[in-house]
C-alpha atoms as a PDB file:
ATOM      1  CA  MET A   1      72.989  46.540 139.647  1.00  0.00           C
ATOM      2  CA  ARG A   2      75.550  44.495 141.788  1.00  0.00           C
ATOM      3  CA  LEU A   3      76.554  41.241 140.752  1.00  0.00           C
ATOM      4  CA  THR A   4      78.246  38.493 143.368  1.00  0.00           C
ATOM      5  CA  SER A   5      81.053  35.951 142.506  1.00  0.00           C
ATOM      6  CA  THR A   6      78.246  33.111 142.229  1.00  0.00           C
ATOM      7  CA  ALA A   7      75.569  35.024 140.355  1.00  0.00           C
ATOM      8  CA  LEU A   8      77.726  35.913 138.131  1.00  0.00           C
ATOM      9  CA  THR A   9      79.702  32.497 137.716  1.00  0.00           C
ATOM     10  CA  LEU A  10      75.667  31.707 136.253  1.00  0.00           C
ATOM     11  CA  ALA A  11      75.109  34.622 134.610  1.00  0.00           C
ATOM     12  CA  CYS A  12      78.390  33.226 132.181  1.00  0.00           C
ATOM     13  CA  VAL A  13      76.822  29.502 132.456  1.00  0.00           C
ATOM     14  CA  ALA A  14      73.828  31.252 131.327  1.00  0.00           C
ATOM     15  CA  SER A  15      75.251  32.948 128.214  1.00  0.00           C
ATOM     16  CA  LEU A  16      77.366  29.786 127.082  1.00  0.00           C
ATOM     17  CA  VAL A  17      74.043  27.995 126.944  1.00  0.00           C
ATOM     18  CA  MET A  18      72.146  30.464 125.104  1.00  0.00           C
ATOM     19  CA  THR A  19      75.326  30.358 122.853  1.00  0.00           C
ATOM     20  CA  LEU A  20      75.611  26.585 122.251  1.00  0.00           C
ATOM     21  CA  ALA A  21      71.843  25.994 121.526  1.00  0.00           C
ATOM     22  CA  PRO A  22      70.528  26.140 118.158  1.00  0.00           C
ATOM     23  CA  ARG A  23      68.839  28.756 117.188  1.00  0.00           C
ATOM     24  CA  ARG A  24      66.227  29.631 114.671  1.00  0.00           C
ATOM     25  CA  ALA A  25      67.430  32.257 112.228  1.00  0.00           C
ATOM     26  CA  ALA A  26      66.242  35.698 113.022  1.00  0.00           C
ATOM     27  CA  ALA A  27      64.562  37.569 110.053  1.00  0.00           C
ATOM     28  CA  GLN A  28      65.696  40.175 108.075  1.00  0.00           C
ATOM     29  CA  PRO A  29      63.911  42.956 106.768  1.00  0.00           C
ATOM     30  CA  VAL A  30      64.197  43.288 103.116  1.00  0.00           C
ATOM     31  CA  ARG A  31      63.638  47.281 102.309  1.00  0.00           C
ATOM     32  CA  GLY A  32      62.418  48.841  99.205  1.00  0.00           C
ATOM     33  CA  SER A  33      59.714  51.332  98.014  1.00  0.00           C
ATOM     34  CA  VAL A  34      57.194  51.459  94.817  1.00  0.00           C
ATOM     35  CA  VAL A  35      56.756  54.193  92.561  1.00  0.00           C
ATOM     36  CA  ASP A  36      55.462  55.229  89.637  1.00  0.00           C
ATOM     37  CA  THR A  37      57.176  55.991  85.975  1.00  0.00           C
ATOM     38  CA  LEU A  38      58.144  59.246  87.526  1.00  0.00           C
ATOM     39  CA  GLY A  39      59.526  57.828  90.653  1.00  0.00           C
ATOM     40  CA  ARG A  40      56.882  59.510  92.642  1.00  0.00           C
ATOM     41  CA  PRO A  41      55.614  56.850  95.617  1.00  0.00           C
ATOM     42  CA  LEU A  42      53.141  54.559  95.194  1.00  0.00           C
ATOM     43  CA  PRO A  43      51.138  54.534  98.743  1.00  0.00           C
ATOM     44  CA  GLU A  44      49.244  51.403  99.389  1.00  0.00           C
ATOM     45  CA  SER A  45      50.650  48.849  96.697  1.00  0.00           C
ATOM     46  CA  ASP A  46      50.699  45.411  97.627  1.00  0.00           C
ATOM     47  CA  VAL A  47      54.336  43.753  97.695  1.00  0.00           C
ATOM     48  CA  ILE A  48      53.742  39.822  97.802  1.00  0.00           C
ATOM     49  CA  VAL A  49      56.340  37.057  98.295  1.00  0.00           C
ATOM     50  CA  VAL A  50      55.443  34.382  95.554  1.00  0.00           C
ATOM     51  CA  ASN A  51      55.011  30.886  97.521  1.00  0.00           C
ATOM     52  CA  THR A  52      54.903  32.090 101.350  1.00  0.00           C
ATOM     53  CA  GLN A  53      52.704  33.534 103.524  1.00  0.00           C
ATOM     54  CA  ILE A  54      54.943  37.054 103.472  1.00  0.00           C
ATOM     55  CA  SER A  55      52.563  40.142 101.867  1.00  0.00           C
ATOM     56  CA  VAL A  56      53.182  43.662 102.903  1.00  0.00           C
ATOM     57  CA  ARG A  57      51.393  46.961 101.813  1.00  0.00           C
ATOM     58  CA  THR A  58      53.618  50.289 101.420  1.00  0.00           C
ATOM     59  CA  ASP A  59      52.975  53.384 103.723  1.00  0.00           C
ATOM     60  CA  ALA A  60      52.496  56.786 102.903  1.00  0.00           C
ATOM     61  CA  GLU A  61      55.784  57.302 101.735  1.00  0.00           C
ATOM     62  CA  GLY A  62      55.456  54.023  99.313  1.00  0.00           C
ATOM     63  CA  ARG A  63      58.168  52.325 101.431  1.00  0.00           C
ATOM     64  CA  PHE A  64      57.417  48.602 102.197  1.00  0.00           C
ATOM     65  CA  ALA A  65      59.622  45.704 104.556  1.00  0.00           C
ATOM     66  CA  LEU A  66      59.891  41.800 103.946  1.00  0.00           C
ATOM     67  CA  PRO A  67      60.726  39.770 106.586  1.00  0.00           C
ATOM     68  CA  LEU A  68      63.001  36.959 104.913  1.00  0.00           C
ATOM     69  CA  GLU A  69      64.354  34.472 107.257  1.00  0.00           C
ATOM     70  CA  ARG A  70      66.680  32.356 104.384  1.00  0.00           C
ATOM     71  CA  ALA A  71      68.934  33.099 101.714  1.00  0.00           C
ATOM     72  CA  GLY A  72      68.066  32.507  98.518  1.00  0.00           C
ATOM     73  CA  THR A  73      66.470  33.321  94.957  1.00  0.00           C
ATOM     74  CA  TYR A  74      62.400  34.921  96.118  1.00  0.00           C
ATOM     75  CA  GLU A  75      59.608  36.045  93.270  1.00  0.00           C
ATOM     76  CA  ILE A  76      57.535  38.778  94.462  1.00  0.00           C
ATOM     77  CA  ARG A  77      54.461  40.451  92.853  1.00  0.00           C
ATOM     78  CA  VAL A  78      53.407  43.906  92.856  1.00  0.00           C
ATOM     79  CA  ARG A  79      50.039  44.691  92.613  1.00  0.00           C
ATOM     80  CA  LYS A  80      47.821  48.126  92.760  1.00  0.00           C
ATOM     81  CA  ILE A  81      44.394  49.127  90.904  1.00  0.00           C
ATOM     82  CA  GLY A  82      44.921  51.858  88.526  1.00  0.00           C
ATOM     83  CA  TYR A  83      48.513  50.546  87.392  1.00  0.00           C
ATOM     84  CA  ILE A  84      49.696  47.349  85.699  1.00  0.00           C
ATOM     85  CA  SER A  85      50.883  44.566  87.945  1.00  0.00           C
ATOM     86  CA  PHE A  86      54.199  42.685  87.078  1.00  0.00           C
ATOM     87  CA  GLY A  87      56.592  40.325  88.986  1.00  0.00           C
ATOM     88  CA  ALA A  88      60.169  40.278  89.481  1.00  0.00           C
ATOM     89  CA  SER A  89      62.276  38.535  91.132  1.00  0.00           C
ATOM     90  CA  PHE A  90      65.814  39.612  93.490  1.00  0.00           C
ATOM     91  CA  TYR A  91      68.929  37.239  95.673  1.00  0.00           C
ATOM     92  CA  PHE A  92      68.089  38.055  99.153  1.00  0.00           C
ATOM     93  CA  ARG A  93      71.117  37.349 101.419  1.00  0.00           C
ATOM     94  CA  PRO A  94      71.272  38.502 105.362  1.00  0.00           C
ATOM     95  CA  GLY A  95      72.239  42.093 105.588  1.00  0.00           C
ATOM     96  CA  MET A  96      72.455  42.561 102.487  1.00  0.00           C
ATOM     97  CA  PRO A  97      72.088  46.939 102.121  1.00  0.00           C
ATOM     98  CA  GLU A  98      70.417  47.241  98.823  1.00  0.00           C
ATOM     99  CA  GLU A  99      66.845  48.360  98.889  1.00  0.00           C
ATOM    100  CA  LEU A 100      64.670  47.150  96.192  1.00  0.00           C
ATOM    101  CA  VAL A 101      63.222  50.184  94.431  1.00  0.00           C
ATOM    102  CA  LEU A 102      59.755  48.694  92.044  1.00  0.00           C
ATOM    103  CA  VAL A 103      58.754  50.971  89.625  1.00  0.00           C
ATOM    104  CA  MET A 104      54.824  50.180  88.159  1.00  0.00           C
ATOM    105  CA  THR A 105      53.331  51.514  84.651  1.00  0.00           C
ATOM    106  CA  GLN A 106      49.830  53.420  85.182  1.00  0.00           C
ATOM    107  CA  PHE A 107      46.824  51.820  83.043  1.00  0.00           C
ATOM    108  CA  SER A 108      45.959  54.018  79.788  1.00  0.00           C
ATOM    109  CA  ASN A 109      42.884  55.421  80.022  1.00  0.00           C
ATOM    110  CA  MET A 110      40.729  52.821  77.917  1.00  0.00           C
ATOM    111  CA  LEU A 111      37.397  54.024  78.414  1.00  0.00           C
ATOM    112  CA  ASP A 112      35.217  56.502  75.995  1.00  0.00           C
ATOM    113  CA  THR A 113      34.422  59.967  77.064  1.00  0.00           C
ATOM    114  CA  VAL A 114      31.533  59.967  79.368  1.00  0.00           C
ATOM    115  CA  ARG A 115      28.504  60.802  77.552  1.00  0.00           C
ATOM    116  CA  ALA A 116      25.546  61.863  79.190  1.00  0.00           C
ATOM    117  CA  ILE A 117      22.686  59.562  76.536  1.00  0.00           C
ATOM    118  CA  ALA A 118      19.073  59.871  78.397  1.00  0.00           C
ATOM    119  CA  ASP A 119      18.561  56.131  76.031  1.00  0.00           C
ATOM    120  CA  ALA A 120      20.453  54.684  78.654  1.00  0.00           C
ATOM    121  CA  ASP A 121      17.860  54.903  80.997  1.00  0.00           C
ATOM    122  CA  ARG A 122      15.686  52.500  78.882  1.00  0.00           C
ATOM    123  CA  CYS A 123      18.301  49.947  78.746  1.00  0.00           C
ATOM    124  CA  ALA A 124      17.401  46.247  80.892  1.00  0.00           C
ATOM    125  CA  THR A 125      18.129  45.806  84.375  1.00  0.00           C
ATOM    126  CA  THR A 126      18.760  42.798  84.805  1.00  0.00           C
ATOM    127  CA  THR A 127      19.960  41.044  82.076  1.00  0.00           C
ATOM    128  CA  LEU A 128      23.111  41.063  80.006  1.00  0.00           C
ATOM    129  CA  GLU A 129      21.445  42.879  77.576  1.00  0.00           C
ATOM    130  CA  GLY A 130      21.090  45.760  79.525  1.00  0.00           C
ATOM    131  CA  PHE A 131      25.089  45.951  80.104  1.00  0.00           C
ATOM    132  CA  GLU A 132      25.721  46.151  75.922  1.00  0.00           C
ATOM    133  CA  CYS A 133      23.345  49.323  76.046  1.00  0.00           C
ATOM    134  CA  ARG A 134      24.843  51.073  78.625  1.00  0.00           C
ATOM    135  CA  ARG A 135      28.047  50.461  77.207  1.00  0.00           C
ATOM    136  CA  GLN A 136      27.340  52.371  73.977  1.00  0.00           C
ATOM    137  CA  ALA A 137      26.058  55.174  76.266  1.00  0.00           C
ATOM    138  CA  GLY A 138      29.308  55.771  77.711  1.00  0.00           C
ATOM    139  CA  LEU A 139      28.485  56.290  81.138  1.00  0.00           C
ATOM    140  CA  GLY A 140      30.362  54.818  83.105  1.00  0.00           C
ATOM    141  CA  TYR A 141      33.723  51.871  83.075  1.00  0.00           C
ATOM    142  CA  PHE A 142      33.244  48.806  81.630  1.00  0.00           C
ATOM    143  CA  ARG A 143      34.552  45.679  80.847  1.00  0.00           C
ATOM    144  CA  ASP A 144      33.381  42.240  78.980  1.00  0.00           C
ATOM    145  CA  ALA A 145      34.650  38.938  79.053  1.00  0.00           C
ATOM    146  CA  GLY A 146      37.475  39.549  76.186  1.00  0.00           C
ATOM    147  CA  THR A 147      38.892  41.938  78.930  1.00  0.00           C
ATOM    148  CA  LEU A 148      38.440  40.938  81.685  1.00  0.00           C
ATOM    149  CA  ARG A 149      39.718  37.271  80.175  1.00  0.00           C
ATOM    150  CA  SER A 150      42.797  39.214  79.269  1.00  0.00           C
ATOM    151  CA  LEU A 151      43.795  40.254  83.177  1.00  0.00           C
ATOM    152  CA  ARG A 152      44.356  36.643  84.346  1.00  0.00           C
ATOM    153  CA  SER A 153      42.959  37.440  87.320  1.00  0.00           C
ATOM    154  CA  ASP A 154      43.666  35.075  90.137  1.00  0.00           C
ATOM    155  CA  HIS A 155      41.839  37.251  92.746  1.00  0.00           C
ATOM    156  CA  TRP A 156      38.687  39.236  92.498  1.00  0.00           C
ATOM    157  CA  ALA A 157      40.069  42.278  93.136  1.00  0.00           C
ATOM    158  CA  ASP A 158      42.530  41.586  90.198  1.00  0.00           C
ATOM    159  CA  MET A 159      39.808  42.207  87.445  1.00  0.00           C
ATOM    160  CA  PHE A 160      39.523  46.201  88.612  1.00  0.00           C
ATOM    161  CA  GLU A 161      43.366  46.736  88.091  1.00  0.00           C
ATOM    162  CA  GLY A 162      43.584  49.976  86.183  1.00  0.00           C
ATOM    163  CA  MET A 163      39.693  51.291  87.004  1.00  0.00           C
ATOM    164  CA  PRO A 164      40.121  54.623  89.451  1.00  0.00           C
ATOM    165  CA  GLY A 165      39.143  55.561  92.745  1.00  0.00           C
ATOM    166  CA  LEU A 166      39.525  51.641  94.655  1.00  0.00           C
ATOM    167  CA  ARG A 167      40.917  49.765  96.624  1.00  0.00           C
ATOM    168  CA  ARG A 168      42.191  46.326  97.693  1.00  0.00           C
ATOM    169  CA  ASN A 169      40.826  44.875 100.227  1.00  0.00           C
ATOM    170  CA  MET A 170      41.820  41.068 102.366  1.00  0.00           C
ATOM    171  CA  VAL A 171      38.660  39.515 103.526  1.00  0.00           C
ATOM    172  CA  LEU A 172      38.138  35.918 105.056  1.00  0.00           C
ATOM    173  CA  GLY A 173      36.007  33.775 102.070  1.00  0.00           C
ATOM    174  CA  PRO A 174      34.366  30.467 101.850  1.00  0.00           C
ATOM    175  CA  MET A 175      37.608  29.803 100.100  1.00  0.00           C
ATOM    176  CA  GLY A 176      39.804  31.089 102.840  1.00  0.00           C
ATOM    177  CA  ARG A 177      41.668  34.927 102.052  1.00  0.00           C
ATOM    178  CA  GLU A 178      40.529  36.286  99.141  1.00  0.00           C
ATOM    179  CA  TRP A 179      41.221  40.263  98.007  1.00  0.00           C
ATOM    180  CA  ARG A 180      38.379  41.656  97.077  1.00  0.00           C
ATOM    181  CA  ILE A 181      37.578  45.564  96.123  1.00  0.00           C
ATOM    182  CA  MET A 182      36.759  48.782  98.614  1.00  0.00           C
ATOM    183  CA  ALA A 183      35.467  52.768  97.823  1.00  0.00           C
ATOM    184  CA  ARG A 184      38.302  55.022  98.995  1.00  0.00           C
ATOM    185  CA  PRO A 185      38.380  56.741 102.091  1.00  0.00           C
ATOM    186  CA  SER A 186      35.048  58.643 103.071  1.00  0.00           C
ATOM    187  CA  ARG A 187      33.386  56.520 100.537  1.00  0.00           C
ATOM    188  CA  CYS A 188      30.626  53.709 100.324  1.00  0.00           C
ATOM    189  CA  LEU A 189      30.968  51.017  97.518  1.00  0.00           C
ATOM    190  CA  VAL A 190      27.804  49.267  96.276  1.00  0.00           C
ATOM    191  CA  GLU A 191      27.894  45.672  94.741  1.00  0.00           C
ATOM    192  CA  LEU A 192      24.787  44.284  92.930  1.00  0.00           C
ATOM    193  CA  TRP A 193      24.570  41.093  90.920  1.00  0.00           C
ATOM    194  CA  ASN A 194      23.168  40.930  87.736  1.00  0.00           C
ATOM    195  CA  GLY A 195      21.653  44.103  88.123  1.00  0.00           C
ATOM    196  CA  GLN A 196      20.242  43.131  92.043  1.00  0.00           C
ATOM    197  CA  PRO A 197      21.155  43.305  94.875  1.00  0.00           C
ATOM    198  CA  PRO A 198      23.732  41.115  97.204  1.00  0.00           C
ATOM    199  CA  MET A 199      21.557  37.740  98.479  1.00  0.00           C
ATOM    200  CA  LEU A 200      21.355  36.671 102.237  1.00  0.00           C
ATOM    201  CA  ALA A 201      23.162  34.718 104.180  1.00  0.00           C
ATOM    202  CA  GLN A 202      22.557  31.977 106.730  1.00  0.00           C
ATOM    203  CA  PRO A 203      23.834  33.383 110.365  1.00  0.00           C
ATOM    204  CA  GLY A 204      27.399  32.396 110.761  1.00  0.00           C
ATOM    205  CA  ASP A 205      27.511  31.231 107.368  1.00  0.00           C
ATOM    206  CA  PHE A 206      28.989  33.132 103.990  1.00  0.00           C
ATOM    207  CA  PRO A 207      26.924  34.899 101.605  1.00  0.00           C
ATOM    208  CA  PRO A 208      26.552  33.309  98.215  1.00  0.00           C
ATOM    209  CA  ASP A 209      27.965  35.620  96.089  1.00  0.00           C
ATOM    210  CA  MET A 210      30.524  35.270  97.876  1.00  0.00           C
ATOM    211  CA  ARG A 211      30.571  31.999  96.830  1.00  0.00           C
ATOM    212  CA  TRP A 212      31.241  33.216  92.854  1.00  0.00           C
ATOM    213  CA  ARG A 213      35.166  32.971  91.238  1.00  0.00           C
ATOM    214  CA  PRO A 214      36.874  35.670  88.719  1.00  0.00           C
ATOM    215  CA  ASN A 215      36.098  33.474  85.780  1.00  0.00           C
ATOM    216  CA  ASP A 216      32.489  33.151  86.476  1.00  0.00           C
ATOM    217  CA  VAL A 217      31.756  36.988  86.020  1.00  0.00           C
ATOM    218  CA  VAL A 218      31.406  37.714  81.962  1.00  0.00           C
ATOM    219  CA  ALA A 219      31.521  41.406  82.132  1.00  0.00           C
ATOM    220  CA  ILE A 220      31.691  44.447  84.948  1.00  0.00           C
ATOM    221  CA  GLU A 221      29.954  47.771  84.712  1.00  0.00           C
ATOM    222  CA  TYR A 222      31.265  50.396  87.777  1.00  0.00           C
ATOM    223  CA  TYR A 223      29.722  54.063  88.257  1.00  0.00           C
ATOM    224  CA  ASP A 224      32.504  56.505  90.728  1.00  0.00           C
ATOM    225  CA  GLU A 225      29.913  59.393  90.639  1.00  0.00           C
ATOM    226  CA  PHE A 226      26.624  59.693  91.314  1.00  0.00           C
ATOM    227  CA  VAL A 227      25.242  62.113  88.549  1.00  0.00           C
ATOM    228  CA  LYS A 228      26.832  58.544  86.398  1.00  0.00           C
ATOM    229  CA  VAL A 229      24.584  55.458  87.497  1.00  0.00           C
ATOM    230  CA  PRO A 230      21.699  54.696  85.402  1.00  0.00           C
ATOM    231  CA  SER A 231      18.127  56.333  86.736  1.00  0.00           C
ATOM    232  CA  ARG A 232      16.985  52.911  87.708  1.00  0.00           C
ATOM    233  CA  TYR A 233      19.868  51.788  89.893  1.00  0.00           C
ATOM    234  CA  ARG A 234      20.238  54.978  92.002  1.00  0.00           C
ATOM    235  CA  SER A 235      17.862  53.821  94.585  1.00  0.00           C
ATOM    236  CA  TYR A 236      20.123  51.281  95.522  1.00  0.00           C
ATOM    237  CA  VAL A 237      23.016  53.943  95.722  1.00  0.00           C
ATOM    238  CA  LEU A 238      21.432  56.302  98.192  1.00  0.00           C
ATOM    239  CA  VAL A 239      22.430  55.389 101.526  1.00  0.00           C
ATOM    240  CA  GLN A 240      21.057  57.941 104.362  1.00  0.00           C
ATOM    241  CA  GLY A 241      23.037  60.170 105.814  1.00  0.00           C
ATOM    242  CA  GLN A 242      25.375  59.890 103.533  1.00  0.00           C
ATOM    243  CA  GLN A 243      26.521  61.063 100.226  1.00  0.00           C
ATOM    244  CA  PRO A 244      25.714  58.281  97.585  1.00  0.00           C
ATOM    245  CA  CYS A 245      27.771  55.451  96.941  1.00  0.00           C
ATOM    246  CA  GLU A 246      29.629  54.329  94.145  1.00  0.00           C
ATOM    247  CA  LEU A 247      28.760  51.118  92.617  1.00  0.00           C
ATOM    248  CA  VAL A 248      29.659  48.028  91.143  1.00  0.00           C
ATOM    249  CA  ILE A 249      27.736  45.708  88.783  1.00  0.00           C
ATOM    250  CA  TYR A 250      28.708  42.272  87.868  1.00  0.00           C
ATOM    251  CA  TRP A 251      27.457  39.869  85.350  1.00  0.00           C
ATOM    252  CA  LEU A 252      27.525  36.269  86.159  1.00  0.00           C
ATOM    253  CA  ARG A 253      27.483  33.555  83.985  1.00  0.00           C
ATOM    254  CA  GLY A 254      25.347  30.550  85.312  1.00  0.00           C
ATOM    255  CA  ALA A 255      23.906  33.411  87.975  1.00  0.00           C
ATOM    256  CA  THR A 256      19.782  33.244  88.164  1.00  0.00           C
ATOM    257  CA  LYS A 257      17.913  35.944  88.711  1.00  0.00           C
ATOM    258  CA  ARG A 258      15.455  35.788  92.254  1.00  0.00           C
ATOM    259  CA  ASP A 259      11.390  36.739  91.949  1.00  0.00           C
END
């Protein structure tokens, strides 16, 4: 394309104006990766910059990029279900060539070996006594109030750290953005509250169960395979046209049984 002398002059003036005009600093990506203690990449790990709106998830190779605008010290938090979450800080300067390598440690298996005990089917289904009964039978994964308190959960999904087969998922709740759990790809997840199905919501409203917070939960039981699901709950996880779902049962403080 040709430029006449007049067009060239206008182009130079426009360039000068753009140079003199104040511009907001462009976001600079801070690149890094999340790996386990053996150096293997950890996809779908959440990397959160504390006190900002920046939150990213690692790709299939465990890599991520954080768009930062200003030089300074930043604090980040790394989470992945099945691994111990941790926080770290680093100093960022635009154009920094270094890449962050964040190493996560996997939870040790804190659960008893699964034992098939028929007496578990006699346990109560809508009271906390049933939780204790099934935990003694060892048919699934269980967390009581003491374990849940030790996790100091900020979000709903934090209560499941260290449990296999679940993923974190950002959802919109009555109190804003919230991390909840979801099943593995190609699987489904059913949630019961004090042994009962979720409550129904009015049109355009959030279900009442969405209003509970982590500190309202006194116990959790999770069944990742159909063979582990107690017989009295199996009707909930059988969905027509697909394989049986995984099951989570929440036991809540102050929740009342419905008729």
